[in-house]
Amino acid sequence: MMRWSAAMSRALYGPHGFFVSGAGPAGHFRTSANASPVLAAAVLRLLDRVDAALGRPARLDFVDVGAGRGELLTGVLAGADPDLRDRLHPVAVELAPRPAFLPSEIDWHDAPPERITGLVIATEWLDNVPLDVVEGDRYVEVDPATGAEALGGPVDPDDAAWLRRWWADGPRREIGRARDEAWAGAVGALERGLAVAVDYGHLIDRRPLGGTLTGYRAGRQVPPVPDGSADVTAHVAVDAAALAGSAVAGRPYRLLTQRQALRALGADGGRPPIALAGSDPAGYVRALAAASAAAELTAPGGLGDHWWLLQPVGIDGWTWDDGGHAGSP
């Protein structure tokens, strides 16, 4: 038996872990990054906004943390205009081996680079940062082979303090302190630019009773058995992570739903005008496909409920006119 954080770490990132072997996330479930090219187009628009706010620097970093097999980076590169592509420094941060098909200009690292100027994006990364689970005032331990659980030792003071601040009530709680530290580290790598986390999560007034720990395999939700054969994930306490990143940046953060963010970036899911079918049938089909993909990414009860956490660093006058929630350290 071991604590859940150790079991998750081995199951996801160990020598035969779920994320470092096999087909990768896209082979098992749909994420925003691999659901369609619509996200890549929206991120490209966001990247252009960051580029403009930075004064169009000679080198613009675009760092994808938890890059999977490079789907988002590849999509952004394909859509970038020649001027941006010549200046762009795309970096995948991923523990899995580099795919052979990846464009040569994409750098592949197992940790974020230092001194980033540009855009850092982490799509469904924080939910896979290992965490501990508690019941009462004791850690929950798990058998990695079977998923059977038992109560372990008492919660240590740092974790207890996090729980008092961020998840005080409930029979079973998940300690997000490691996620806060991971996000603060990603923000801290930025010298100037924008850090964005896209993930499913919850806020302090709506923490789920019993927690959210679960597994996914081959497109289906399964019990969270940390044996390396399935994804093991838990929703993110996004307000706690947001405050940790904002404290490092010394600037307010912005928290939106994916629906709000993508609509602000031009992906609204609206059906194209039917008149286009008569004047440009091929264009109508393309627009209809894009609208369908955008609708999936913005759908209530699905990917549209993901959170977008935006943290500017060293950008004066950065604004996001979207009606989202702003917060500061």
Protein backbone atom coordinates (compact mmCIF):
# COMPACT_ATOMS: atom_id res chain seq x y z
CA MET A 1 0.00 0.00 0.00
CA MET A 2 1.12 3.56 -0.70
CA ARG A 3 -0.30 7.07 -0.64
CA TRP A 4 -2.21 8.13 -3.75
CA SER A 5 0.40 10.70 -4.81
CA ALA A 6 3.12 8.04 -5.04
CA ALA A 7 0.78 5.59 -6.77
CA MET A 8 -0.32 8.18 -9.35
CA SER A 9 3.26 9.23 -10.04
CA ARG A 10 4.34 5.67 -10.78
CA ALA A 11 1.19 4.78 -12.72
CA LEU A 12 1.31 7.85 -14.97
CA TYR A 13 5.02 8.68 -15.27
CA GLY A 14 6.96 5.58 -14.22
CA PRO A 15 8.97 3.46 -16.70
CA HIS A 16 5.79 1.81 -18.03
CA GLY A 17 3.41 4.59 -17.05
CA PHE A 18 0.30 5.55 -18.92
CA PHE A 19 1.68 8.83 -20.28
CA VAL A 20 5.15 7.63 -21.25
CA SER A 21 4.26 4.50 -23.19
CA GLY A 22 1.67 3.41 -25.72
CA ALA A 23 -0.52 5.66 -27.84
CA GLY A 24 -0.68 8.59 -25.43
CA PRO A 25 -3.81 10.45 -24.32
CA ALA A 26 -5.33 10.77 -27.82
CA GLY A 27 -5.54 6.99 -28.02
CA HIS A 28 -7.81 6.81 -24.99
CA PHE A 29 -9.95 9.95 -24.68
CA ARG A 30 -10.79 13.25 -26.32
CA THR A 31 -9.21 16.35 -24.86
CA SER A 32 -9.61 19.93 -26.02
CA ALA A 33 -6.16 19.70 -27.63
CA ASN A 34 -6.95 16.68 -29.79
CA ALA A 35 -10.71 17.14 -30.31
CA SER A 36 -10.38 19.37 -33.36
CA PRO A 37 -8.24 22.01 -35.11
CA VAL A 38 -10.59 24.69 -33.74
CA LEU A 39 -8.62 24.91 -30.49
CA ALA A 40 -5.36 25.34 -32.42
CA ALA A 41 -6.91 28.22 -34.39
CA ALA A 42 -8.12 29.88 -31.18
CA VAL A 43 -4.74 29.46 -29.50
CA LEU A 44 -3.09 30.94 -32.59
CA ARG A 45 -5.28 34.04 -32.18
CA LEU A 46 -4.30 34.20 -28.51
CA LEU A 47 -0.65 33.81 -29.44
CA ASP A 48 -1.00 36.75 -31.82
CA ARG A 49 -2.43 38.86 -28.99
CA VAL A 50 0.51 37.96 -26.76
CA ASP A 51 2.93 38.65 -29.60
CA ALA A 52 1.44 42.13 -30.08
CA ALA A 53 1.51 42.85 -26.33
CA LEU A 54 5.22 41.93 -26.30
CA GLY A 55 5.98 44.21 -29.25
CA ARG A 56 6.53 41.43 -31.84
CA PRO A 57 9.88 40.21 -30.45
CA ALA A 58 12.53 38.60 -32.66
CA ARG A 59 11.90 35.30 -30.87
CA LEU A 60 8.52 34.31 -29.46
CA ASP A 61 8.39 31.23 -27.23
CA PHE A 62 5.35 28.96 -27.41
CA VAL A 63 5.59 26.30 -24.72
CA ASP A 64 3.02 23.47 -24.45
CA VAL A 65 3.26 21.78 -21.02
CA GLY A 66 1.89 18.25 -21.08
CA ALA A 67 2.04 18.27 -24.86
CA GLY A 68 0.88 14.69 -25.45
CA ARG A 69 2.11 13.83 -28.91
CA GLY A 70 2.41 17.48 -30.00
CA GLU A 71 -1.08 17.83 -31.50
CA LEU A 72 -1.65 21.43 -30.41
CA LEU A 73 1.84 22.62 -31.34
CA THR A 74 1.57 21.02 -34.76
CA GLY A 75 -1.82 22.63 -35.38
CA VAL A 76 -0.61 26.10 -34.37
CA LEU A 77 2.48 25.81 -36.57
CA ALA A 78 0.36 24.76 -39.54
CA GLY A 79 -1.80 27.86 -39.21
CA ALA A 80 0.89 30.44 -38.42
CA ASP A 81 1.73 33.03 -41.07
CA PRO A 82 5.32 33.08 -42.39
CA ASP A 83 6.43 36.05 -40.26
CA LEU A 84 5.22 34.46 -37.02
CA ARG A 85 6.52 31.02 -37.92
CA ASP A 86 10.00 32.44 -38.62
CA ARG A 87 10.10 33.99 -35.15
CA LEU A 88 8.31 31.23 -33.25
CA HIS A 89 10.19 28.91 -30.88
CA PRO A 90 7.80 26.01 -30.21
CA VAL A 91 8.58 23.77 -27.24
CA ALA A 92 6.83 20.57 -26.13
CA VAL A 93 7.21 19.68 -22.45
CA GLU A 94 6.44 15.99 -22.07
CA LEU A 95 7.93 12.92 -20.39
CA ALA A 96 7.04 10.57 -23.24
CA PRO A 97 9.59 9.99 -26.03
CA ARG A 98 9.55 12.44 -28.92
CA PRO A 99 7.29 11.19 -31.75
CA ALA A 100 9.15 10.52 -34.99
CA PHE A 101 6.59 12.44 -37.07
CA LEU A 102 6.93 15.72 -35.17
CA PRO A 103 8.13 18.77 -37.19
CA SER A 104 11.84 19.34 -36.64
CA GLU A 105 11.42 22.93 -35.41
CA ILE A 106 9.56 21.76 -32.28
CA ASP A 107 11.93 21.31 -29.35
CA TRP A 108 11.09 18.42 -27.00
CA HIS A 109 11.98 18.65 -23.27
CA ASP A 110 10.99 16.91 -20.05
CA ALA A 111 10.76 20.22 -18.12
CA PRO A 112 9.85 23.80 -19.03
CA PRO A 113 12.75 25.94 -20.25
CA GLU A 114 13.93 28.87 -18.18
CA ARG A 115 13.46 32.53 -19.16
CA ILE A 116 10.42 32.20 -21.42
CA THR A 117 9.11 35.17 -23.39
CA GLY A 118 5.79 34.36 -25.01
CA LEU A 119 2.93 31.97 -24.31
CA VAL A 120 2.91 28.97 -21.96
CA ILE A 121 -0.15 26.74 -22.25
CA ALA A 122 -0.99 23.65 -20.21
CA THR A 123 -4.02 21.78 -21.54
CA GLU A 124 -5.28 19.10 -19.14
CA TRP A 125 -1.93 18.92 -17.38
CA LEU A 126 -2.71 19.95 -13.80
CA ASP A 127 -5.38 17.26 -13.41
CA ASN A 128 -2.62 14.68 -13.82
CA VAL A 129 -0.22 16.21 -11.31
CA PRO A 130 -0.27 13.54 -8.56
CA LEU A 131 -2.15 14.36 -5.38
CA ASP A 132 -3.01 12.80 -2.05
CA VAL A 133 -6.47 11.86 -0.84
CA VAL A 134 -7.62 12.12 2.77
CA GLU A 135 -10.53 10.83 4.79
CA GLY A 136 -10.98 12.62 8.08
CA ASP A 137 -7.48 13.54 9.22
CA ARG A 138 -5.68 10.55 7.67
CA TYR A 139 -4.20 9.87 4.25
CA VAL A 140 -5.84 7.24 2.07
CA GLU A 141 -3.45 4.52 0.87
CA VAL A 142 -4.01 2.34 -2.19
CA ASP A 143 -2.85 -1.01 -3.53
CA PRO A 144 -1.47 -0.16 -7.00
CA ALA A 145 -2.40 -3.54 -8.43
CA THR A 146 -6.03 -3.65 -7.34
CA GLY A 147 -7.10 -0.13 -6.33
CA ALA A 148 -8.11 -1.38 -2.86
CA GLU A 149 -7.80 1.37 -0.24
CA ALA A 150 -7.05 1.66 3.47
CA LEU A 151 -6.43 4.52 5.87
CA GLY A 152 -2.80 5.45 6.45
CA GLY A 153 -0.98 7.96 8.61
CA PRO A 154 -2.10 11.39 9.83
CA VAL A 155 -2.09 14.36 7.48
CA ASP A 156 1.10 16.42 7.78
CA PRO A 157 0.92 20.10 8.82
CA ASP A 158 1.43 21.64 5.35
CA ASP A 159 -1.30 19.52 3.80
CA ALA A 160 -3.59 20.16 6.76
CA ALA A 161 -3.10 23.90 6.33
CA TRP A 162 -3.98 23.63 2.62
CA LEU A 163 -7.15 21.74 3.48
CA ARG A 164 -8.21 24.31 6.06
CA ARG A 165 -7.79 27.08 3.50
CA TRP A 166 -9.13 25.41 0.37
CA TRP A 167 -11.23 22.30 1.17
CA ALA A 168 -12.41 22.34 4.75
CA ASP A 169 -15.47 20.09 4.51
CA GLY A 170 -16.35 16.67 3.14
CA PRO A 171 -15.85 13.01 3.97
CA ARG A 172 -13.16 12.59 1.31
CA ARG A 173 -10.94 15.41 0.07
CA GLU A 174 -8.11 15.81 -2.45
CA ILE A 175 -5.05 17.88 -1.58
CA GLY A 176 -4.18 20.21 -4.48
CA ARG A 177 -1.01 21.67 -2.97
CA ALA A 178 1.24 19.93 -5.52
CA ARG A 179 -0.85 21.37 -8.37
CA ASP A 180 -0.51 24.87 -6.90
CA GLU A 181 3.26 24.43 -6.77
CA ALA A 182 3.39 23.05 -10.32
CA TRP A 183 1.40 25.98 -11.70
CA ALA A 184 3.48 28.50 -9.73
CA GLY A 185 6.58 26.90 -11.25
CA ALA A 186 5.20 27.25 -14.78
CA VAL A 187 4.32 30.90 -14.16
CA GLY A 188 7.73 31.48 -12.61
CA ALA A 189 9.46 30.33 -15.80
CA LEU A 190 7.92 33.28 -17.68
CA GLU A 191 9.93 36.46 -17.88
CA ARG A 192 7.24 38.20 -19.95
CA GLY A 193 4.11 36.82 -21.53
CA LEU A 194 1.03 34.81 -20.65
CA ALA A 195 0.57 31.46 -18.91
CA VAL A 196 -2.68 29.58 -19.57
CA ALA A 197 -3.98 26.44 -17.87
CA VAL A 198 -6.97 24.67 -19.42
CA ASP A 199 -8.54 22.01 -17.23
CA TYR A 200 -11.64 20.71 -15.55
CA GLY A 201 -11.96 21.80 -11.96
CA HIS A 202 -13.98 23.34 -9.14
CA LEU A 203 -14.12 26.38 -6.89
CA ILE A 204 -14.11 26.61 -3.11
CA ASP A 205 -17.88 27.05 -2.77
CA ARG A 206 -18.54 23.94 -4.88
CA ARG A 207 -15.97 21.35 -3.87
CA PRO A 208 -17.45 17.93 -4.69
CA LEU A 209 -18.38 15.70 -1.77
CA GLY A 210 -16.33 12.54 -2.00
CA GLY A 211 -13.75 14.02 -4.38
CA THR A 212 -13.28 13.44 -8.09
CA LEU A 213 -10.53 10.83 -8.44
CA THR A 214 -11.27 8.54 -11.39
CA GLY A 215 -9.73 6.66 -14.32
CA TYR A 216 -10.09 6.65 -18.11
CA ARG A 217 -9.18 3.92 -20.57
CA ALA A 218 -10.06 3.54 -24.27
CA GLY A 219 -12.58 6.36 -24.15
CA ARG A 220 -14.45 5.10 -21.09
CA GLN A 221 -14.48 6.08 -17.44
CA VAL A 222 -13.11 3.27 -15.26
CA PRO A 223 -12.26 2.83 -11.56
CA PRO A 224 -8.97 4.56 -10.61
CA VAL A 225 -6.65 1.58 -10.37
CA PRO A 226 -3.07 2.98 -10.49
CA ASP A 227 -1.45 0.05 -12.32
CA GLY A 228 -0.33 2.04 -15.39
CA SER A 229 -3.06 0.73 -17.70
CA ALA A 230 -5.32 3.80 -17.47
CA ASP A 231 -5.28 7.51 -16.88
CA VAL A 232 -5.74 8.43 -13.22
CA THR A 233 -6.99 11.96 -12.79
CA ALA A 234 -8.76 14.34 -10.42
CA HIS A 235 -10.35 17.75 -10.99
CA VAL A 236 -8.28 20.82 -10.17
CA ALA A 237 -8.95 23.27 -7.33
CA VAL A 238 -8.53 26.06 -9.87
CA ASP A 239 -8.93 28.95 -7.45
CA ALA A 240 -6.11 27.64 -5.27
CA ALA A 241 -3.81 27.17 -8.25
CA ALA A 242 -4.78 30.60 -9.60
CA LEU A 243 -3.79 32.36 -6.39
CA ALA A 244 -0.47 30.49 -6.25
CA GLY A 245 0.41 31.62 -9.78
CA SER A 246 -0.78 35.17 -9.18
CA ALA A 247 1.44 35.43 -6.10
CA VAL A 248 4.47 34.52 -8.21
CA ALA A 249 3.54 36.89 -11.05
CA GLY A 250 2.55 39.73 -8.76
CA ARG A 251 -0.38 40.44 -11.08
CA PRO A 252 -4.08 39.56 -11.19
CA TYR A 253 -5.20 36.36 -12.90
CA ARG A 254 -8.27 35.85 -15.08
CA LEU A 255 -10.53 32.79 -14.78
CA LEU A 256 -13.00 31.88 -17.55
CA THR A 257 -14.93 28.91 -18.75
CA GLN A 258 -13.71 27.43 -22.01
CA ARG A 259 -17.00 28.54 -23.52
CA GLN A 260 -16.24 32.18 -22.63
CA ALA A 261 -12.61 31.96 -23.73
CA LEU A 262 -13.23 30.36 -27.12
CA ARG A 263 -16.08 32.68 -27.96
CA ALA A 264 -13.82 35.64 -27.13
CA LEU A 265 -11.27 34.12 -29.52
CA GLY A 266 -13.77 33.75 -32.37
CA ALA A 267 -14.86 30.12 -31.95
CA ASP A 268 -18.56 30.48 -31.18
CA GLY A 269 -20.01 27.29 -32.69
CA GLY A 270 -22.62 29.23 -34.64
CA ARG A 271 -24.03 27.63 -37.78
CA PRO A 272 -22.86 29.34 -41.01
CA PRO A 273 -25.53 31.19 -43.05
CA ILE A 274 -27.46 28.82 -45.30
CA ALA A 275 -26.99 31.22 -48.23
CA LEU A 276 -23.32 30.20 -48.25
CA ALA A 277 -24.37 26.70 -49.34
CA GLY A 278 -25.61 28.13 -52.63
CA SER A 279 -22.74 30.52 -53.36
CA ASP A 280 -19.86 28.37 -52.04
CA PRO A 281 -20.88 24.77 -51.28
CA ALA A 282 -17.36 23.63 -50.37
CA GLY A 283 -16.87 26.65 -48.14
CA TYR A 284 -20.22 25.96 -46.47
CA VAL A 285 -19.20 22.38 -45.69
CA ARG A 286 -15.90 23.58 -44.19
CA ALA A 287 -17.65 26.24 -42.12
CA LEU A 288 -20.25 23.72 -40.94
CA ALA A 289 -17.52 21.30 -39.84
CA ALA A 290 -15.72 24.08 -37.96
CA ALA A 291 -18.96 25.15 -36.29
CA SER A 292 -19.65 21.57 -35.20
CA ALA A 293 -16.15 21.25 -33.73
CA ALA A 294 -16.49 24.59 -31.94
CA ALA A 295 -19.86 23.50 -30.56
CA GLU A 296 -18.21 20.41 -29.06
CA LEU A 297 -15.49 22.51 -27.42
CA THR A 298 -18.01 24.97 -25.95
CA ALA A 299 -20.83 22.57 -25.01
CA PRO A 300 -22.30 22.88 -21.49
CA GLY A 301 -21.78 19.74 -19.46
CA GLY A 302 -18.71 18.82 -21.53
CA LEU A 303 -15.52 20.47 -22.74
CA GLY A 304 -17.16 23.89 -22.60
CA ASP A 305 -17.16 23.69 -18.80
CA HIS A 306 -13.38 23.46 -18.63
CA TRP A 307 -11.68 26.38 -16.91
CA TRP A 308 -9.19 28.68 -18.58
CA LEU A 309 -6.80 30.21 -16.07
CA LEU A 310 -4.85 33.10 -17.60
CA GLN A 311 -1.88 34.62 -15.81
CA PRO A 312 -0.07 37.56 -17.45
CA VAL A 313 3.54 38.22 -16.47
CA GLY A 314 5.32 41.48 -17.22
CA ILE A 315 2.77 42.67 -19.79
CA ASP A 316 1.53 46.19 -19.16
CA GLY A 317 -2.04 46.96 -20.02
CA TRP A 318 -3.05 43.34 -20.72
CA THR A 319 -6.85 43.07 -20.81
CA TRP A 320 -9.39 40.38 -21.59
CA ASP A 321 -12.85 41.81 -22.16
CA ASP A 322 -14.89 38.70 -21.51
CA GLY A 323 -16.88 39.00 -18.31
CA GLY A 324 -14.76 36.38 -16.53
CA HIS A 325 -13.56 36.43 -12.92
CA ALA A 326 -10.42 38.36 -12.04
CA GLY A 327 -8.34 37.73 -8.95
CA SER A 328 -5.09 38.95 -7.45
CA PRO A 329 -2.60 37.91 -4.78
